[in-house]
Amino acid sequence: MAAIISIGRAIRTARRRHRLTQEQLAELAGTSTRTVREIEHGSGSTSIATVAAVADAVGLTLGVIS
């Protein structure tokens, strides 16, 4: 669970750095505002592909999970 929250915090920080709203990020990533909100708060059950798309939209990449 800690990793999920860390990813969400990193995405939120990058989104703010790019001066994007959650709505704008959702549009860039091809998902909903609700999904972005859930990722940033570490809640919900979002697919790793969606998290990766949101991260990519703010210039982040997900590391390999081993």
PDB file of N, CA and C in Angstrom:
ATOM      1  N   MET A   1       0.816  -1.199   0.000  1.00  0.00           N
ATOM      2  CA  MET A   1       0.000   0.000   0.000  1.00  0.00           C
ATOM      3  C   MET A   1       0.856   1.258   0.000  1.00  0.00           C
ATOM      4  N   ALA A   2       1.998   1.244   0.669  1.00  0.00           N
ATOM      5  CA  ALA A   2       2.870   2.410   0.723  1.00  0.00           C
ATOM      6  C   ALA A   2       3.367   2.794  -0.667  1.00  0.00           C
ATOM      7  N   ALA A   3       3.650   1.792  -1.506  1.00  0.00           N
ATOM      8  CA  ALA A   3       4.112   2.076  -2.866  1.00  0.00           C
ATOM      9  C   ALA A   3       3.032   2.780  -3.669  1.00  0.00           C
ATOM     10  N   ILE A   4       1.787   2.390  -3.486  1.00  0.00           N
ATOM     11  CA  ILE A   4       0.676   3.014  -4.206  1.00  0.00           C
ATOM     12  C   ILE A   4       0.552   4.480  -3.812  1.00  0.00           C
ATOM     13  N   ILE A   5       0.663   4.756  -2.532  1.00  0.00           N
ATOM     14  CA  ILE A   5       0.573   6.134  -2.057  1.00  0.00           C
ATOM     15  C   ILE A   5       1.761   6.943  -2.571  1.00  0.00           C
ATOM     16  N   SER A   6       2.959   6.358  -2.593  1.00  0.00           N
ATOM     17  CA  SER A   6       4.137   7.058  -3.106  1.00  0.00           C
ATOM     18  C   SER A   6       3.989   7.404  -4.578  1.00  0.00           C
ATOM     19  N   ILE A   7       3.459   6.491  -5.364  1.00  0.00           N
ATOM     20  CA  ILE A   7       3.229   6.757  -6.784  1.00  0.00           C
ATOM     21  C   ILE A   7       2.229   7.900  -6.925  1.00  0.00           C
ATOM     22  N   GLY A   8       1.172   7.849  -6.156  1.00  0.00           N
ATOM     23  CA  GLY A   8       0.159   8.905  -6.204  1.00  0.00           C
ATOM     24  C   GLY A   8       0.727  10.261  -5.837  1.00  0.00           C
ATOM     25  N   ARG A   9       1.558  10.312  -4.817  1.00  0.00           N
ATOM     26  CA  ARG A   9       2.186  11.573  -4.416  1.00  0.00           C
ATOM     27  C   ARG A   9       3.112  12.096  -5.507  1.00  0.00           C
ATOM     28  N   ALA A  10       3.869  11.200  -6.117  1.00  0.00           N
ATOM     29  CA  ALA A  10       4.781  11.606  -7.194  1.00  0.00           C
ATOM     30  C   ALA A  10       3.995  12.171  -8.371  1.00  0.00           C
ATOM     31  N   ILE A  11       2.881  11.549  -8.701  1.00  0.00           N
ATOM     32  CA  ILE A  11       2.050  12.028  -9.809  1.00  0.00           C
ATOM     33  C   ILE A  11       1.449  13.384  -9.462  1.00  0.00           C
ATOM     34  N   ARG A  12       0.947  13.530  -8.246  1.00  0.00           N
ATOM     35  CA  ARG A  12       0.369  14.811  -7.829  1.00  0.00           C
ATOM     36  C   ARG A  12       1.420  15.919  -7.869  1.00  0.00           C
ATOM     37  N   THR A  13       2.624  15.636  -7.369  1.00  0.00           N
ATOM     38  CA  THR A  13       3.700  16.624  -7.373  1.00  0.00           C
ATOM     39  C   THR A  13       4.060  17.032  -8.798  1.00  0.00           C
ATOM     40  N   ALA A  14       4.182  16.044  -9.688  1.00  0.00           N
ATOM     41  CA  ALA A  14       4.508  16.343 -11.088  1.00  0.00           C
ATOM     42  C   ALA A  14       3.384  17.122 -11.763  1.00  0.00           C
ATOM     43  N   ARG A  15       2.137  16.757 -11.458  1.00  0.00           N
ATOM     44  CA  ARG A  15       0.995  17.481 -12.034  1.00  0.00           C
ATOM     45  C   ARG A  15       1.024  18.943 -11.627  1.00  0.00           C
ATOM     46  N   ARG A  16       1.280  19.187 -10.365  1.00  0.00           N
ATOM     47  CA  ARG A  16       1.335  20.567  -9.874  1.00  0.00           C
ATOM     48  C   ARG A  16       2.524  21.318 -10.475  1.00  0.00           C
ATOM     49  N   ARG A  17       3.639  20.637 -10.628  1.00  0.00           N
ATOM     50  CA  ARG A  17       4.829  21.252 -11.235  1.00  0.00           C
ATOM     51  C   ARG A  17       4.532  21.698 -12.660  1.00  0.00           C
ATOM     52  N   HIS A  18       3.725  20.905 -13.363  1.00  0.00           N
ATOM     53  CA  HIS A  18       3.334  21.238 -14.729  1.00  0.00           C
ATOM     54  C   HIS A  18       2.136  22.189 -14.775  1.00  0.00           C
ATOM     55  N   ARG A  19       1.661  22.567 -13.593  1.00  0.00           N
ATOM     56  CA  ARG A  19       0.515  23.470 -13.446  1.00  0.00           C
ATOM     57  C   ARG A  19      -0.722  22.962 -14.176  1.00  0.00           C
ATOM     58  N   LEU A  20      -0.997  21.678 -13.955  1.00  0.00           N
ATOM     59  CA  LEU A  20      -2.179  21.041 -14.538  1.00  0.00           C
ATOM     60  C   LEU A  20      -3.209  20.791 -13.450  1.00  0.00           C
ATOM     61  N   THR A  21      -4.468  20.906 -13.820  1.00  0.00           N
ATOM     62  CA  THR A  21      -5.536  20.483 -12.919  1.00  0.00           C
ATOM     63  C   THR A  21      -5.710  18.975 -13.080  1.00  0.00           C
ATOM     64  N   GLN A  22      -6.441  18.382 -12.169  1.00  0.00           N
ATOM     65  CA  GLN A  22      -6.742  16.959 -12.312  1.00  0.00           C
ATOM     66  C   GLN A  22      -7.533  16.719 -13.593  1.00  0.00           C
ATOM     67  N   GLU A  23      -8.398  17.631 -13.939  1.00  0.00           N
ATOM     68  CA  GLU A  23      -9.201  17.499 -15.151  1.00  0.00           C
ATOM     69  C   GLU A  23      -8.314  17.519 -16.397  1.00  0.00           C
ATOM     70  N   GLN A  24      -7.347  18.433 -16.422  1.00  0.00           N
ATOM     71  CA  GLN A  24      -6.445  18.525 -17.572  1.00  0.00           C
ATOM     72  C   GLN A  24      -5.583  17.275 -17.694  1.00  0.00           C
ATOM     73  N   LEU A  25      -5.083  16.787 -16.560  1.00  0.00           N
ATOM     74  CA  LEU A  25      -4.272  15.572 -16.577  1.00  0.00           C
ATOM     75  C   LEU A  25      -5.093  14.385 -17.062  1.00  0.00           C
ATOM     76  N   ALA A  26      -6.318  14.292 -16.595  1.00  0.00           N
ATOM     77  CA  ALA A  26      -7.192  13.194 -17.026  1.00  0.00           C
ATOM     78  C   ALA A  26      -7.374  13.222 -18.541  1.00  0.00           C
ATOM     79  N   GLU A  27      -7.587  14.403 -19.090  1.00  0.00           N
ATOM     80  CA  GLU A  27      -7.760  14.516 -20.531  1.00  0.00           C
ATOM     81  C   GLU A  27      -6.490  14.099 -21.272  1.00  0.00           C
ATOM     82  N   LEU A  28      -5.332  14.549 -20.798  1.00  0.00           N
ATOM     83  CA  LEU A  28      -4.064  14.176 -21.427  1.00  0.00           C
ATOM     84  C   LEU A  28      -3.822  12.665 -21.386  1.00  0.00           C
ATOM     85  N   ALA A  29      -4.226  12.043 -20.287  1.00  0.00           N
ATOM     86  CA  ALA A  29      -3.981  10.612 -20.095  1.00  0.00           C
ATOM     87  C   ALA A  29      -5.094   9.744 -20.670  1.00  0.00           C
ATOM     88  N   GLY A  30      -6.179  10.354 -21.104  1.00  0.00           N
ATOM     89  CA  GLY A  30      -7.291   9.584 -21.658  1.00  0.00           C
ATOM     90  C   GLY A  30      -8.076   8.822 -20.608  1.00  0.00           C
ATOM     91  N   THR A  31      -8.249   9.437 -19.460  1.00  0.00           N
ATOM     92  CA  THR A  31      -8.996   8.793 -18.382  1.00  0.00           C
ATOM     93  C   THR A  31      -9.911   9.822 -17.727  1.00  0.00           C
ATOM     94  N   SER A  32     -10.531   9.455 -16.636  1.00  0.00           N
ATOM     95  CA  SER A  32     -11.458  10.359 -15.960  1.00  0.00           C
ATOM     96  C   SER A  32     -10.775  11.115 -14.824  1.00  0.00           C
ATOM     97  N   THR A  33     -11.390  12.229 -14.465  1.00  0.00           N
ATOM     98  CA  THR A  33     -10.899  13.007 -13.325  1.00  0.00           C
ATOM     99  C   THR A  33     -10.956  12.161 -12.057  1.00  0.00           C
ATOM    100  N   ARG A  34     -11.992  11.384 -11.919  1.00  0.00           N
ATOM    101  CA  ARG A  34     -12.133  10.524 -10.741  1.00  0.00           C
ATOM    102  C   ARG A  34     -10.954   9.552 -10.641  1.00  0.00           C
ATOM    103  N   THR A  35     -10.525   8.982 -11.761  1.00  0.00           N
ATOM    104  CA  THR A  35      -9.398   8.054 -11.757  1.00  0.00           C
ATOM    105  C   THR A  35      -8.126   8.756 -11.321  1.00  0.00           C
ATOM    106  N   VAL A  36      -7.888   9.959 -11.832  1.00  0.00           N
ATOM    107  CA  VAL A  36      -6.699  10.730 -11.422  1.00  0.00           C
ATOM    108  C   VAL A  36      -6.752  10.986  -9.922  1.00  0.00           C
ATOM    109  N   ARG A  37      -7.893  11.385  -9.427  1.00  0.00           N
ATOM    110  CA  ARG A  37      -8.065  11.651  -7.994  1.00  0.00           C
ATOM    111  C   ARG A  37      -7.761  10.390  -7.174  1.00  0.00           C
ATOM    112  N   GLU A  38      -8.289   9.252  -7.616  1.00  0.00           N
ATOM    113  CA  GLU A  38      -8.061   7.994  -6.894  1.00  0.00           C
ATOM    114  C   GLU A  38      -6.576   7.612  -6.911  1.00  0.00           C
ATOM    115  N   ILE A  39      -5.915   7.799  -8.040  1.00  0.00           N
ATOM    116  CA  ILE A  39      -4.484   7.486  -8.114  1.00  0.00           C
ATOM    117  C   ILE A  39      -3.706   8.380  -7.152  1.00  0.00           C
ATOM    118  N   GLU A  40      -3.989   9.675  -7.170  1.00  0.00           N
ATOM    119  CA  GLU A  40      -3.270  10.609  -6.306  1.00  0.00           C
ATOM    120  C   GLU A  40      -3.486  10.313  -4.825  1.00  0.00           C
ATOM    121  N   HIS A  41      -4.647   9.781  -4.477  1.00  0.00           N
ATOM    122  CA  HIS A  41      -4.947   9.483  -3.076  1.00  0.00           C
ATOM    123  C   HIS A  41      -4.669   8.027  -2.694  1.00  0.00           C
ATOM    124  N   GLY A  42      -4.250   7.220  -3.662  1.00  0.00           N
ATOM    125  CA  GLY A  42      -3.941   5.815  -3.369  1.00  0.00           C
ATOM    126  C   GLY A  42      -5.168   4.988  -3.056  1.00  0.00           C
ATOM    127  N   SER A  43      -6.299   5.386  -3.606  1.00  0.00           N
ATOM    128  CA  SER A  43      -7.536   4.634  -3.359  1.00  0.00           C
ATOM    129  C   SER A  43      -8.076   4.096  -4.672  1.00  0.00           C
ATOM    130  N   GLY A  44      -9.092   3.294  -4.594  1.00  0.00           N
ATOM    131  CA  GLY A  44      -9.685   2.730  -5.794  1.00  0.00           C
ATOM    132  C   GLY A  44      -8.883   1.541  -6.306  1.00  0.00           C
ATOM    133  N   SER A  45      -9.293   1.042  -7.448  1.00  0.00           N
ATOM    134  CA  SER A  45      -8.605  -0.104  -8.043  1.00  0.00           C
ATOM    135  C   SER A  45      -8.364   0.176  -9.518  1.00  0.00           C
ATOM    136  N   THR A  46      -7.327   0.912  -9.773  1.00  0.00           N
ATOM    137  CA  THR A  46      -6.983   1.322 -11.131  1.00  0.00           C
ATOM    138  C   THR A  46      -5.946   0.369 -11.702  1.00  0.00           C
ATOM    139  N   SER A  47      -6.064   0.061 -12.970  1.00  0.00           N
ATOM    140  CA  SER A  47      -5.100  -0.843 -13.603  1.00  0.00           C
ATOM    141  C   SER A  47      -3.730  -0.183 -13.689  1.00  0.00           C
ATOM    142  N   ILE A  48      -2.706  -1.008 -13.717  1.00  0.00           N
ATOM    143  CA  ILE A  48      -1.342  -0.504 -13.827  1.00  0.00           C
ATOM    144  C   ILE A  48      -1.148   0.230 -15.144  1.00  0.00           C
ATOM    145  N   ALA A  49      -1.845  -0.188 -16.196  1.00  0.00           N
ATOM    146  CA  ALA A  49      -1.749   0.489 -17.495  1.00  0.00           C
ATOM    147  C   ALA A  49      -2.278   1.920 -17.394  1.00  0.00           C
ATOM    148  N   THR A  50      -3.350   2.115 -16.658  1.00  0.00           N
ATOM    149  CA  THR A  50      -3.904   3.453 -16.490  1.00  0.00           C
ATOM    150  C   THR A  50      -2.985   4.315 -15.646  1.00  0.00           C
ATOM    151  N   VAL A  51      -2.442   3.755 -14.573  1.00  0.00           N
ATOM    152  CA  VAL A  51      -1.497   4.493 -13.736  1.00  0.00           C
ATOM    153  C   VAL A  51      -0.283   4.898 -14.569  1.00  0.00           C
ATOM    154  N   ALA A  52       0.201   3.991 -15.399  1.00  0.00           N
ATOM    155  CA  ALA A  52       1.346   4.282 -16.264  1.00  0.00           C
ATOM    156  C   ALA A  52       1.013   5.398 -17.250  1.00  0.00           C
ATOM    157  N   ALA A  53      -0.191   5.401 -17.800  1.00  0.00           N
ATOM    158  CA  ALA A  53      -0.603   6.444 -18.747  1.00  0.00           C
ATOM    159  C   ALA A  53      -0.668   7.806 -18.061  1.00  0.00           C
ATOM    160  N   VAL A  54      -1.183   7.835 -16.850  1.00  0.00           N
ATOM    161  CA  VAL A  54      -1.265   9.088 -16.097  1.00  0.00           C
ATOM    162  C   VAL A  54       0.148   9.571 -15.754  1.00  0.00           C
ATOM    163  N   ALA A  55       0.989   8.654 -15.300  1.00  0.00           N
ATOM    164  CA  ALA A  55       2.373   9.016 -14.976  1.00  0.00           C
ATOM    165  C   ALA A  55       3.092   9.545 -16.212  1.00  0.00           C
ATOM    166  N   ASP A  56       2.915   8.878 -17.328  1.00  0.00           N
ATOM    167  CA  ASP A  56       3.558   9.287 -18.581  1.00  0.00           C
ATOM    168  C   ASP A  56       3.115  10.689 -19.001  1.00  0.00           C
ATOM    169  N   ALA A  57       1.863  11.012 -18.759  1.00  0.00           N
ATOM    170  CA  ALA A  57       1.338  12.325 -19.152  1.00  0.00           C
ATOM    171  C   ALA A  57       2.014  13.469 -18.410  1.00  0.00           C
ATOM    172  N   VAL A  58       2.632  13.179 -17.263  1.00  0.00           N
ATOM    173  CA  VAL A  58       3.361  14.221 -16.517  1.00  0.00           C
ATOM    174  C   VAL A  58       4.862  13.972 -16.539  1.00  0.00           C
ATOM    175  N   GLY A  59       5.304  13.073 -17.439  1.00  0.00           N
ATOM    176  CA  GLY A  59       6.723  12.864 -17.632  1.00  0.00           C
ATOM    177  C   GLY A  59       7.376  11.884 -16.678  1.00  0.00           C
ATOM    178  N   LEU A  60       6.579  11.059 -16.009  1.00  0.00           N
ATOM    179  CA  LEU A  60       7.124  10.059 -15.092  1.00  0.00           C
ATOM    180  C   LEU A  60       7.031   8.673 -15.717  1.00  0.00           C
ATOM    181  N   THR A  61       7.901   7.790 -15.286  1.00  0.00           N
ATOM    182  CA  THR A  61       7.814   6.389 -15.709  1.00  0.00           C
ATOM    183  C   THR A  61       7.763   5.532 -14.457  1.00  0.00           C
ATOM    184  N   LEU A  62       7.110   4.408 -14.575  1.00  0.00           N
ATOM    185  CA  LEU A  62       7.037   3.473 -13.458  1.00  0.00           C
ATOM    186  C   LEU A  62       8.211   2.515 -13.555  1.00  0.00           C
ATOM    187  N   GLY A  63       8.842   2.231 -12.428  1.00  0.00           N
ATOM    188  CA  GLY A  63       9.943   1.278 -12.409  1.00  0.00           C
ATOM    189  C   GLY A  63       9.460  -0.137 -12.560  1.00  0.00           C
ATOM    190  N   VAL A  64      10.373  -1.023 -12.787  1.00  0.00           N
ATOM    191  CA  VAL A  64      10.055  -2.433 -12.908  1.00  0.00           C
ATOM    192  C   VAL A  64       9.818  -3.005 -11.514  1.00  0.00           C
ATOM    193  N   ILE A  65       8.735  -3.737 -11.373  1.00  0.00           N
ATOM    194  CA  ILE A  65       8.408  -4.375 -10.105  1.00  0.00           C
ATOM    195  C   ILE A  65       8.952  -5.784 -10.145  1.00  0.00           C
ATOM    196  N   SER A  66       9.787  -6.129  -9.156  1.00  0.00           N
ATOM    197  CA  SER A  66      10.352  -7.491  -9.157  1.00  0.00           C
ATOM    198  C   SER A  66       9.938  -8.249  -7.930  1.00  0.00           C
TER     199      SER A  66
END
